[in-house]
C-alpha atoms as a PDB file:
ATOM      1  CA  MET A   1    -112.986 173.659 -79.777  1.00  0.00           C
ATOM      2  CA  ARG A   2    -115.418 174.879 -82.981  1.00  0.00           C
ATOM      3  CA  PHE A   3    -119.213 174.998 -83.196  1.00  0.00           C
ATOM      4  CA  ARG A   4    -121.478 175.436 -85.483  1.00  0.00           C
ATOM      5  CA  ILE A   5    -123.850 177.625 -84.809  1.00  0.00           C
ATOM      6  CA  LEU A   6    -127.322 178.108 -86.691  1.00  0.00           C
ATOM      7  CA  ILE A   7    -129.129 181.738 -86.505  1.00  0.00           C
ATOM      8  CA  GLU A   8    -132.776 181.326 -86.774  1.00  0.00           C
ATOM      9  CA  GLN A   9    -134.829 184.912 -86.416  1.00  0.00           C
ATOM     10  CA  ASP A  10    -137.941 183.422 -84.768  1.00  0.00           C
ATOM     11  CA  GLU A  11    -141.564 184.848 -84.573  1.00  0.00           C
ATOM     12  CA  ASP A  12    -140.502 187.868 -82.524  1.00  0.00           C
ATOM     13  CA  LYS A  13    -137.881 188.955 -84.684  1.00  0.00           C
ATOM     14  CA  MET A  14    -135.717 187.934 -81.995  1.00  0.00           C
ATOM     15  CA  PHE A  15    -132.360 186.048 -83.417  1.00  0.00           C
ATOM     16  CA  VAL A  16    -132.200 182.795 -82.068  1.00  0.00           C
ATOM     17  CA  ALA A  17    -128.466 180.607 -82.045  1.00  0.00           C
ATOM     18  CA  GLU A  18    -128.463 177.375 -81.851  1.00  0.00           C
ATOM     19  CA  PRO A  19    -125.194 174.709 -81.585  1.00  0.00           C
ATOM     20  CA  PRO A  20    -125.900 171.630 -82.776  1.00  0.00           C
ATOM     21  CA  SER A  21    -123.604 169.507 -81.620  1.00  0.00           C
ATOM     22  CA  LEU A  22    -124.424 170.608 -77.762  1.00  0.00           C
ATOM     23  CA  PRO A  23    -127.824 169.585 -77.478  1.00  0.00           C
ATOM     24  CA  GLY A  24    -130.456 171.656 -75.162  1.00  0.00           C
ATOM     25  CA  TYR A  25    -127.737 174.641 -75.337  1.00  0.00           C
ATOM     26  CA  ILE A  26    -130.150 177.856 -77.174  1.00  0.00           C
ATOM     27  CA  SER A  27    -129.474 181.629 -76.901  1.00  0.00           C
ATOM     28  CA  GLN A  28    -131.095 184.927 -78.339  1.00  0.00           C
ATOM     29  CA  GLY A  29    -130.577 188.150 -79.288  1.00  0.00           C
ATOM     30  CA  ARG A  30    -132.080 191.163 -80.640  1.00  0.00           C
ATOM     31  CA  ASN A  31    -129.909 190.977 -83.409  1.00  0.00           C
ATOM     32  CA  ARG A  32    -127.580 188.187 -85.059  1.00  0.00           C
ATOM     33  CA  LYS A  33    -124.276 189.628 -83.544  1.00  0.00           C
ATOM     34  CA  GLU A  34    -125.733 189.770 -79.969  1.00  0.00           C
ATOM     35  CA  ALA A  35    -127.132 186.235 -80.284  1.00  0.00           C
ATOM     36  CA  LEU A  36    -123.973 184.839 -81.420  1.00  0.00           C
ATOM     37  CA  GLU A  37    -122.398 186.814 -79.287  1.00  0.00           C
ATOM     38  CA  ASN A  38    -124.629 184.804 -75.971  1.00  0.00           C
ATOM     39  CA  ILE A  39    -124.187 181.303 -77.160  1.00  0.00           C
ATOM     40  CA  GLN A  40    -120.579 181.607 -76.735  1.00  0.00           C
ATOM     41  CA  ASP A  41    -120.679 183.112 -73.939  1.00  0.00           C
ATOM     42  CA  ALA A  42    -122.985 179.674 -72.800  1.00  0.00           C
ATOM     43  CA  ILE A  43    -120.226 177.847 -74.704  1.00  0.00           C
ATOM     44  CA  LYS A  44    -117.593 178.841 -72.295  1.00  0.00           C
ATOM     45  CA  GLY A  45    -119.063 178.817 -69.321  1.00  0.00           C
ATOM     46  CA  TYR A  46    -119.908 175.061 -70.161  1.00  0.00           C
ATOM     47  CA  PHE A  47    -116.428 174.032 -70.830  1.00  0.00           C
ATOM     48  CA  GLU A  48    -115.553 176.314 -67.634  1.00  0.00           C
ATOM     49  CA  SER A  49    -117.880 173.990 -65.663  1.00  0.00           C
ATOM     50  CA  LEU A  50    -116.554 170.945 -67.267  1.00  0.00           C
ATOM     51  CA  LYS A  51    -112.715 172.278 -65.967  1.00  0.00           C
ATOM     52  CA  LYS A  52    -113.810 173.460 -62.912  1.00  0.00           C
ATOM     53  CA  HIS A  53    -115.363 170.015 -61.966  1.00  0.00           C
ATOM     54  CA  ASN A  54    -112.441 167.880 -64.096  1.00  0.00           C
ATOM     55  CA  GLU A  55    -114.718 166.625 -66.279  1.00  0.00           C
ATOM     56  CA  LEU A  56    -114.049 165.284 -69.769  1.00  0.00           C
ATOM     57  CA  ILE A  57    -115.830 166.545 -72.609  1.00  0.00           C
ATOM     58  CA  PRO A  58    -118.545 164.059 -73.623  1.00  0.00           C
ATOM     59  CA  PRO A  59    -117.758 161.976 -76.524  1.00  0.00           C
ATOM     60  CA  SER A  60    -120.872 163.236 -78.837  1.00  0.00           C
ATOM     61  CA  MET A  61    -118.859 166.407 -78.155  1.00  0.00           C
ATOM     62  CA  ILE A  62    -115.613 164.721 -79.526  1.00  0.00           C
ATOM     63  CA  ARG A  63    -116.165 164.673 -82.721  1.00  0.00           C
ATOM     64  CA  CYS A  64    -118.301 165.991 -85.512  1.00  0.00           C
ATOM     65  CA  GLN A  65    -118.685 166.124 -89.260  1.00  0.00           C
ATOM     66  CA  GLU A  66    -120.481 168.973 -91.552  1.00  0.00           C
ATOM     67  CA  VAL A  67    -121.494 167.829 -95.336  1.00  0.00           C
ATOM     68  CA  THR A  68    -121.747 169.567 -98.029  1.00  0.00           C
ATOM     69  CA  SER A  69    -124.170 169.480-101.105  1.00  0.00           C
ATOM     70  CA  ASP A  70    -121.861 167.477-103.097  1.00  0.00           C
ATOM     71  CA  ASN A  71    -121.196 165.142 -99.988  1.00  0.00           C
ATOM     72  CA  THR A  72    -118.110 166.167 -99.101  1.00  0.00           C
ATOM     73  CA  ARG A  73    -117.068 166.238 -95.382  1.00  0.00           C
ATOM     74  CA  SER A  74    -115.027 168.148 -93.597  1.00  0.00           C
ATOM     75  CA  PRO A  75    -114.513 168.300 -89.747  1.00  0.00           C
ATOM     76  CA  VAL A  76    -115.845 171.254 -87.756  1.00  0.00           C
ATOM     77  CA  LEU A  77    -115.406 169.848 -83.935  1.00  0.00           C
ATOM     78  CA  SER A  78    -111.112 170.254 -83.378  1.00  0.00           C
ATOM     79  CA  GLY A  79    -109.609 168.256 -80.052  1.00  0.00           C
ATOM     80  CA  VAL A  80    -109.979 164.687 -81.450  1.00  0.00           C
ATOM     81  CA  THR A  81    -107.689 162.364 -79.440  1.00  0.00           C
ATOM     82  CA  PRO A  82    -106.273 159.292 -81.026  1.00  0.00           C
ATOM     83  CA  LYS A  83    -108.932 156.542 -81.294  1.00  0.00           C
ATOM     84  CA  GLY A  84    -111.975 159.186 -80.642  1.00  0.00           C
ATOM     85  CA  ARG A  85    -110.911 159.490 -76.954  1.00  0.00           C
ATOM     86  CA  ASN A  86    -112.191 161.803 -74.085  1.00  0.00           C
ATOM     87  CA  ARG A  87    -110.485 165.034 -74.157  1.00  0.00           C
ATOM     88  CA  ASN A  88    -109.387 166.644 -70.313  1.00  0.00           C
ATOM     89  CA  LEU A  89    -110.228 170.299 -70.086  1.00  0.00           C
ATOM     90  CA  LYS A  90    -106.388 170.260 -67.297  1.00  0.00           C
END
């Protein structure tokens, strides 16, 4: 799956990474590369936990669209199943 990651520098000069499609998942690093690596580890751990507990990907994460300034849309997340059903990680 692909996720859009927003990275901003905070007041303490740390870089904060956040995937908008995963509310509550935030990580940080001393630079952009470290922040991105840290959030990738957090996302990987989340999906490993879903798989370990035989849980489905939440419907809110299955489909996401990116809207550009000219109002065209392109998919950001892959893994959409027919009729928008949840995809199991098995």
